[in-house]
């Protein structure tokens, strides 16, 4: 046994180190006080420092690393197959070292994510810090808040540029440039959301993001917010606000959706306000549609034609990816990732934003 360990000593030491790191994370992650202190004093400042470095370049460092990872995996696979073929009588030993190296690399990446981002799931989130909590929703309250969001859409839909088809036509570059102004008002009300923002990075291979069912990604390994530039622009402002909420150390997806709506609708930027009201209406409207179709129909029927055109355009865009295998795999992987960090709702957590919206706006 000792000889076996020493034969692959470096790989075994690497493996043991990564296992210790992961075991330590899962052993202490349920201690909310420790996780909050860790995020405030270590992980948040460290990710902010990473972001400061990565924002010195205009391209997405996260995207560059993803491309390098794909190239590395391909090269590792080809090189490993060649090494195994050349190994002759030591083939089994070579196969073991190849597999162990791959496992160690994967555990290293996972461990970094756990300690840089997984800790956020057990730390105090927006609800704990703000005192605003999701509550059980009554049908009357749901209908009233949905109507309120529809009324705001009526007031704001003609304040944004539109193309010849009546669709939202604000420049994506302008949306990104304005992003540093989005959290001014909401940070005054909730000082813990104050942050020195940088415009999110535009992802070059955004079509791939759409295929994987992502509109934006915050990468804790680079401290960057990254956004999909291929999907309909009408939801780009609120997506930017969502990723900037992650930048502030908020891990929960439903809390980030709520914060994004609140920030977008209070920042005095017409394109962000319209995007935020529309995003909130989609969540509320979907919930009301399931609960009381007649009330939903009445509210939906009162929406301006341009608003309905934006909704239809968005639905048409995403329909082309609905049955893609990549989307299904991506959603399944992300669902499992959320649950591994302690979010038992997984992907369902996105729907819980309705509870927060009704609790706040009713």
Protein backbone atom coordinates (compact mmCIF):
# COMPACT_ATOMS: atom_id res chain seq x y z
CA UNK A 1 0.00 0.00 0.00
CA UNK A 2 2.82 2.37 0.90
CA UNK A 3 4.60 1.59 -2.36
CA UNK A 4 1.37 2.26 -4.26
CA UNK A 5 0.93 5.60 -2.50
CA UNK A 6 4.52 6.64 -3.15
CA UNK A 7 4.33 5.61 -6.80
CA UNK A 8 1.78 8.40 -7.36
CA UNK A 9 2.78 10.48 -4.35
CA UNK A 10 2.16 13.95 -5.80
CA UNK A 11 -1.25 13.03 -7.15
CA UNK A 12 -2.25 11.34 -3.89
CA UNK A 13 -1.15 14.34 -1.82
CA UNK A 14 -3.10 16.58 -4.17
CA UNK A 15 -6.17 14.36 -3.83
CA UNK A 16 -5.97 14.26 -0.04
CA UNK A 17 -5.55 18.04 0.14
CA UNK A 18 -8.65 18.60 -2.01
CA UNK A 19 -10.68 16.10 0.00
CA UNK A 20 -9.70 17.85 3.24
CA UNK A 21 -10.74 21.20 1.75
CA UNK A 22 -14.13 19.86 0.65
CA UNK A 23 -14.80 17.93 3.85
CA UNK A 24 -14.01 21.07 5.86
CA UNK A 25 -16.46 23.07 3.75
CA UNK A 26 -19.35 20.63 4.14
CA UNK A 27 -18.58 20.19 7.85
CA UNK A 28 -18.89 23.90 8.71
CA UNK A 29 -21.20 25.28 6.02
CA UNK A 30 -24.34 25.01 8.18
CA UNK A 31 -22.87 27.39 10.75
CA UNK A 32 -24.48 30.61 9.55
CA UNK A 33 -22.46 32.87 11.84
CA UNK A 34 -19.17 31.43 10.60
CA UNK A 35 -20.27 31.62 6.97
CA UNK A 36 -21.38 35.24 7.35
CA UNK A 37 -18.09 36.22 8.95
CA UNK A 38 -16.15 34.29 6.31
CA UNK A 39 -17.97 35.98 3.44
CA UNK A 40 -17.68 39.47 4.90
CA UNK A 41 -14.01 39.28 5.83
CA UNK A 42 -12.48 36.83 3.34
CA UNK A 43 -14.46 35.60 0.33
CA UNK A 44 -16.19 38.89 -0.57
CA UNK A 45 -12.96 40.99 -0.41
CA UNK A 46 -11.05 38.27 -2.25
CA UNK A 47 -13.61 38.07 -5.07
CA UNK A 48 -13.71 41.86 -5.26
CA UNK A 49 -9.92 41.90 -5.64
CA UNK A 50 -10.14 39.29 -8.40
CA UNK A 51 -12.73 41.41 -10.14
CA UNK A 52 -10.56 44.51 -9.88
CA UNK A 53 -7.81 42.66 -11.74
CA UNK A 54 -10.07 41.06 -14.35
CA UNK A 55 -11.91 44.30 -15.11
CA UNK A 56 -8.61 45.79 -16.27
CA UNK A 57 -9.24 44.00 -19.57
CA UNK A 58 -12.36 44.52 -21.69
CA UNK A 59 -12.95 40.90 -22.66
CA UNK A 60 -14.51 38.33 -20.35
CA UNK A 61 -11.75 36.54 -18.48
CA UNK A 62 -14.32 33.91 -17.50
CA UNK A 63 -15.08 33.20 -21.15
CA UNK A 64 -11.36 33.03 -21.96
CA UNK A 65 -10.83 30.55 -19.13
CA UNK A 66 -13.76 28.44 -20.36
CA UNK A 67 -12.22 28.30 -23.82
CA UNK A 68 -8.84 27.38 -22.35
CA UNK A 69 -10.51 24.69 -20.25
CA UNK A 70 -12.09 23.13 -23.35
CA UNK A 71 -8.73 23.20 -25.12
CA UNK A 72 -7.00 21.77 -22.05
CA UNK A 73 -9.51 18.93 -21.71
CA UNK A 74 -9.15 18.04 -25.39
CA UNK A 75 -5.34 18.16 -25.21
CA UNK A 76 -5.31 16.18 -21.94
CA UNK A 77 -7.55 13.52 -23.44
CA UNK A 78 -5.47 13.16 -26.59
CA UNK A 79 -2.17 13.24 -24.69
CA UNK A 80 -3.42 10.73 -22.14
CA UNK A 81 -4.57 8.27 -24.79
CA UNK A 82 -1.18 8.53 -26.48
CA UNK A 83 0.62 8.05 -23.15
CA UNK A 84 -1.46 4.98 -22.31
CA UNK A 85 -0.72 3.45 -25.71
CA UNK A 86 3.03 4.03 -25.26
CA UNK A 87 3.01 2.71 -21.69
CA UNK A 88 3.16 -0.93 -22.69
CA UNK A 89 3.35 -3.11 -19.56
CA UNK A 90 2.73 -0.12 -17.30
CA UNK A 91 -0.57 0.67 -18.99
CA UNK A 92 -2.76 0.16 -15.91
CA UNK A 93 -0.51 2.41 -13.84
CA UNK A 94 -0.68 5.08 -16.53
CA UNK A 95 -4.47 4.87 -16.79
CA UNK A 96 -4.73 5.28 -13.02
CA UNK A 97 -2.54 8.40 -13.01
CA UNK A 98 -4.49 9.91 -15.92
CA UNK A 99 -7.86 9.37 -14.20
CA UNK A 100 -6.54 10.55 -10.85
CA UNK A 101 -5.14 13.71 -12.42
CA UNK A 102 -8.54 14.47 -13.98
CA UNK A 103 -10.33 13.87 -10.67
CA UNK A 104 -7.91 16.12 -8.79
CA UNK A 105 -8.33 18.92 -11.32
CA UNK A 106 -12.11 18.70 -11.05
CA UNK A 107 -12.01 18.68 -7.25
CA UNK A 108 -9.72 21.72 -7.25
CA UNK A 109 -12.19 23.73 -9.33
CA UNK A 110 -15.12 22.55 -7.21
CA UNK A 111 -13.29 23.36 -3.98
CA UNK A 112 -12.52 26.88 -5.19
CA UNK A 113 -16.19 27.42 -6.06
CA UNK A 114 -17.28 26.10 -2.65
CA UNK A 115 -15.06 28.42 -0.63
CA UNK A 116 -15.49 31.46 -2.88
CA UNK A 117 -19.21 31.13 -3.58
CA UNK A 118 -20.79 28.13 -1.83
CA UNK A 119 -20.24 29.85 1.52
CA UNK A 120 -22.63 32.62 0.41
CA UNK A 121 -25.61 30.25 0.53
CA UNK A 122 -25.37 29.87 4.31
CA UNK A 123 -24.39 33.48 5.06
CA UNK A 124 -26.98 36.20 5.72
CA UNK A 125 -28.70 37.00 2.44
CA UNK A 126 -30.90 39.90 1.40
CA UNK A 127 -33.89 38.86 3.49
CA UNK A 128 -31.88 38.49 6.69
CA UNK A 129 -30.06 41.79 6.16
CA UNK A 130 -33.07 43.82 5.01
CA UNK A 131 -35.81 42.38 7.22
CA UNK A 132 -38.02 41.87 4.15
CA UNK A 133 -39.14 38.25 4.03
CA UNK A 134 -41.14 36.22 1.54
CA UNK A 135 -44.63 35.48 2.84
CA UNK A 136 -47.51 33.24 1.89
CA UNK A 137 -49.37 34.81 -1.02
CA UNK A 138 -53.15 35.29 -1.14
CA UNK A 139 -54.88 35.32 -4.49
CA UNK A 140 -56.18 38.85 -3.99
CA UNK A 141 -52.72 40.16 -3.14
CA UNK A 142 -51.21 38.34 -6.11
CA UNK A 143 -53.81 39.84 -8.46
CA UNK A 144 -53.37 43.33 -6.98
CA UNK A 145 -49.57 43.32 -7.33
CA UNK A 146 -49.79 41.86 -10.84
CA UNK A 147 -52.17 44.69 -11.77
CA UNK A 148 -49.77 47.21 -10.23
CA UNK A 149 -46.90 45.94 -12.37
CA UNK A 150 -49.13 46.02 -15.45
CA UNK A 151 -50.04 49.64 -14.65
CA UNK A 152 -46.36 50.54 -14.43
CA UNK A 153 -45.78 48.95 -17.83
CA UNK A 154 -48.52 51.15 -19.27
CA UNK A 155 -46.70 54.19 -17.87
CA UNK A 156 -43.21 53.22 -19.00
CA UNK A 157 -43.53 51.33 -22.30
CA UNK A 158 -43.50 54.46 -24.46
CA UNK A 159 -40.45 55.92 -22.71
CA UNK A 160 -38.00 53.57 -24.45
CA UNK A 161 -36.88 53.57 -28.12
CA UNK A 162 -38.67 51.06 -30.33
CA UNK A 163 -38.04 49.66 -33.80
CA UNK A 164 -40.43 49.52 -36.75
CA UNK A 165 -42.16 46.49 -35.23
CA UNK A 166 -42.74 48.25 -31.92
CA UNK A 167 -40.10 46.18 -30.13
CA UNK A 168 -37.71 47.43 -27.42
CA UNK A 169 -34.71 48.85 -29.30
CA UNK A 170 -32.27 50.27 -26.75
CA UNK A 171 -28.62 49.73 -27.70
CA UNK A 172 -27.03 46.90 -25.75
CA UNK A 173 -23.83 48.92 -25.37
CA UNK A 174 -25.83 51.77 -23.84
CA UNK A 175 -27.48 49.35 -21.42
CA UNK A 176 -24.08 48.13 -20.21
CA UNK A 177 -22.69 51.66 -20.00
CA UNK A 178 -25.59 52.76 -17.76
CA UNK A 179 -25.19 49.83 -15.39
CA UNK A 180 -23.00 51.68 -12.88
CA UNK A 181 -25.98 53.95 -12.05
CA UNK A 182 -28.50 51.20 -11.37
CA UNK A 183 -27.88 50.60 -7.67
CA UNK A 184 -27.68 54.22 -6.50
CA UNK A 185 -31.21 54.54 -5.10
CA UNK A 186 -31.61 51.02 -3.75
CA UNK A 187 -28.21 51.23 -2.02
CA UNK A 188 -29.37 54.30 -0.14
CA UNK A 189 -32.26 52.31 1.27
CA UNK A 190 -30.21 49.16 1.82
CA UNK A 191 -26.59 50.26 2.51
CA UNK A 192 -25.32 46.67 2.51
CA UNK A 193 -25.93 46.68 -1.27
CA UNK A 194 -23.44 49.50 -1.84
CA UNK A 195 -20.67 48.43 -4.22
CA UNK A 196 -18.25 50.02 -6.68
CA UNK A 197 -19.76 48.62 -9.88
CA UNK A 198 -18.09 47.96 -13.20
CA UNK A 199 -20.15 47.32 -16.37
CA UNK A 200 -20.70 43.58 -16.89
CA UNK A 201 -18.69 41.83 -19.58
CA UNK A 202 -20.34 41.00 -22.91
CA UNK A 203 -19.90 37.31 -23.72
CA UNK A 204 -18.66 36.73 -27.27
CA UNK A 205 -20.16 33.24 -27.57
CA UNK A 206 -23.53 34.41 -26.29
CA UNK A 207 -25.40 32.03 -28.58
CA UNK A 208 -23.84 29.18 -26.63
CA UNK A 209 -25.16 30.76 -23.42
CA UNK A 210 -28.65 30.77 -24.92
CA UNK A 211 -28.26 27.14 -25.88
CA UNK A 212 -27.39 26.40 -22.25
CA UNK A 213 -30.35 28.55 -21.05
CA UNK A 214 -28.32 31.33 -19.42
CA UNK A 215 -28.87 35.07 -19.78
CA UNK A 216 -26.04 35.99 -17.43
CA UNK A 217 -23.35 34.44 -15.25
CA UNK A 218 -21.43 35.72 -12.26
CA UNK A 219 -18.07 33.97 -12.00
CA UNK A 220 -16.61 33.92 -8.47
CA UNK A 221 -13.27 32.70 -9.80
CA UNK A 222 -12.77 35.96 -11.72
CA UNK A 223 -15.10 38.32 -9.82
CA UNK A 224 -16.83 39.24 -13.11
CA UNK A 225 -20.45 39.64 -14.12
CA UNK A 226 -21.04 38.33 -17.64
CA UNK A 227 -24.16 38.77 -19.79
CA UNK A 228 -25.69 37.18 -22.87
CA UNK A 229 -25.73 39.63 -25.78
CA UNK A 230 -27.69 37.41 -28.17
CA UNK A 231 -31.00 37.08 -26.30
CA UNK A 232 -33.70 39.80 -26.64
CA UNK A 233 -32.44 43.15 -25.36
CA UNK A 234 -35.64 43.90 -23.45
CA UNK A 235 -34.49 41.78 -20.50
CA UNK A 236 -30.81 42.71 -20.70
CA UNK A 237 -31.14 45.62 -18.22
CA UNK A 238 -32.74 43.51 -15.50
CA UNK A 239 -30.27 40.69 -16.23
CA UNK A 240 -27.42 43.15 -15.69
CA UNK A 241 -29.00 44.21 -12.39
CA UNK A 242 -29.35 40.54 -11.40
CA UNK A 243 -25.68 39.77 -12.03
CA UNK A 244 -24.65 42.93 -10.16
CA UNK A 245 -26.67 41.64 -7.19
CA UNK A 246 -24.51 38.51 -7.22
CA UNK A 247 -21.48 40.80 -7.34
CA UNK A 248 -22.63 42.12 -3.95
CA UNK A 249 -22.39 38.66 -2.41
CA UNK A 250 -26.07 37.68 -2.72
CA UNK A 251 -26.16 34.02 -3.75
CA UNK A 252 -29.89 33.23 -3.75
CA UNK A 253 -31.32 33.40 -7.26
CA UNK A 254 -34.78 34.49 -6.12
CA UNK A 255 -33.33 37.24 -3.94
CA UNK A 256 -31.19 38.47 -6.84
CA UNK A 257 -34.25 38.52 -9.10
CA UNK A 258 -36.14 40.58 -6.52
CA UNK A 259 -33.21 42.95 -5.98
CA UNK A 260 -32.78 43.33 -9.75
CA UNK A 261 -36.42 44.36 -10.13
CA UNK A 262 -36.21 46.74 -7.19
CA UNK A 263 -32.96 48.33 -8.40
CA UNK A 264 -34.09 48.59 -12.02
CA UNK A 265 -37.43 50.20 -11.22
CA UNK A 266 -35.98 52.76 -8.80
CA UNK A 267 -32.89 53.99 -10.67
CA UNK A 268 -34.53 56.63 -12.92
CA UNK A 269 -33.26 54.97 -16.10
CA UNK A 270 -36.18 54.42 -18.48
CA UNK A 271 -34.84 51.27 -20.14
CA UNK A 272 -33.99 49.64 -16.81
CA UNK A 273 -37.34 50.63 -15.29
CA UNK A 274 -39.32 49.14 -18.17
CA UNK A 275 -37.21 45.96 -18.16
CA UNK A 276 -37.65 45.59 -14.39
CA UNK A 277 -41.43 46.06 -14.46
CA UNK A 278 -41.72 43.62 -17.36
CA UNK A 279 -39.54 41.02 -15.66
CA UNK A 280 -41.57 41.23 -12.47
CA UNK A 281 -44.82 41.06 -14.44
CA UNK A 282 -43.69 37.81 -16.10
CA UNK A 283 -43.20 36.12 -12.73
CA UNK A 284 -46.39 37.51 -11.24
CA UNK A 285 -48.40 36.91 -14.40
CA UNK A 286 -47.28 33.29 -14.64
CA UNK A 287 -48.29 32.71 -11.03
CA UNK A 288 -51.66 34.40 -11.53
CA UNK A 289 -52.27 32.48 -14.76
CA UNK A 290 -52.00 29.23 -12.80
CA UNK A 291 -54.10 30.48 -9.90
CA UNK A 292 -56.90 32.41 -11.66
CA UNK A 293 -56.91 32.44 -15.44
CA UNK A 294 -59.82 34.89 -15.65
CA UNK A 295 -58.05 37.56 -13.59
CA UNK A 296 -54.86 36.99 -15.56
CA UNK A 297 -56.73 37.40 -18.86
CA UNK A 298 -58.28 40.67 -17.70
CA UNK A 299 -54.90 42.13 -16.69
CA UNK A 300 -53.07 40.81 -19.74
CA UNK A 301 -55.77 42.23 -22.02
CA UNK A 302 -55.05 45.69 -20.64
CA UNK A 303 -51.37 45.63 -21.58
CA UNK A 304 -50.29 47.91 -24.44
CA UNK A 305 -49.64 46.22 -27.76
CA UNK A 306 -45.91 47.03 -27.57
CA UNK A 307 -45.61 45.25 -24.22
CA UNK A 308 -47.27 42.14 -25.59
CA UNK A 309 -45.02 42.33 -28.65
CA UNK A 310 -41.93 42.34 -26.40
CA UNK A 311 -43.24 39.32 -24.50
CA UNK A 312 -44.02 37.46 -27.71
CA UNK A 313 -40.60 38.24 -29.18
CA UNK A 314 -38.88 36.95 -26.07
CA UNK A 315 -40.95 33.75 -26.06
CA UNK A 316 -40.23 33.18 -29.74
CA UNK A 317 -36.49 33.55 -29.21
CA UNK A 318 -36.31 31.05 -26.35
CA UNK A 319 -38.69 28.57 -28.01
CA UNK A 320 -35.95 27.59 -30.46
CA UNK A 321 -33.86 26.20 -27.56
CA UNK A 322 -36.73 24.59 -25.64
CA UNK A 323 -36.00 20.98 -26.55
CA UNK A 324 -32.22 21.16 -26.90
CA UNK A 325 -30.24 18.45 -25.15
CA UNK A 326 -27.66 21.04 -24.07
CA UNK A 327 -30.34 23.05 -22.23
CA UNK A 328 -31.63 19.97 -20.43
CA UNK A 329 -28.14 18.92 -19.36
CA UNK A 330 -27.25 22.47 -18.31
CA UNK A 331 -30.41 22.87 -16.23
CA UNK A 332 -29.89 19.50 -14.58
CA UNK A 333 -26.25 20.26 -13.73
CA UNK A 334 -27.10 23.72 -12.37
CA UNK A 335 -30.00 22.31 -10.37
CA UNK A 336 -27.67 19.78 -8.75
CA UNK A 337 -25.06 22.48 -8.13
CA UNK A 338 -27.59 24.67 -6.30
CA UNK A 339 -28.68 21.72 -4.17
CA UNK A 340 -25.07 20.79 -3.38
CA UNK A 341 -24.67 24.26 -1.86
CA UNK A 342 -27.72 23.71 0.34
CA UNK A 343 -30.45 25.28 -1.81
CA UNK A 344 -33.00 22.47 -1.63
CA UNK A 345 -35.31 24.22 -4.08
CA UNK A 346 -32.75 23.94 -6.85
CA UNK A 347 -33.97 25.53 -10.08
CA UNK A 348 -37.46 25.91 -8.56
CA UNK A 349 -36.07 28.70 -6.41
CA UNK A 350 -36.51 31.09 -9.34
CA UNK A 351 -40.30 30.92 -8.88
CA UNK A 352 -40.12 32.01 -5.24
CA UNK A 353 -39.43 35.59 -6.35
CA UNK A 354 -43.23 36.01 -6.50
CA UNK A 355 -43.47 35.70 -2.70
CA UNK A 356 -40.93 38.49 -2.23
CA UNK A 357 -42.57 40.75 -4.80
CA UNK A 358 -46.01 40.38 -3.24
CA UNK A 359 -44.66 40.84 0.28
CA UNK A 360 -42.90 44.06 -0.74
CA UNK A 361 -45.33 45.67 -3.19
CA UNK A 362 -48.70 44.74 -1.72
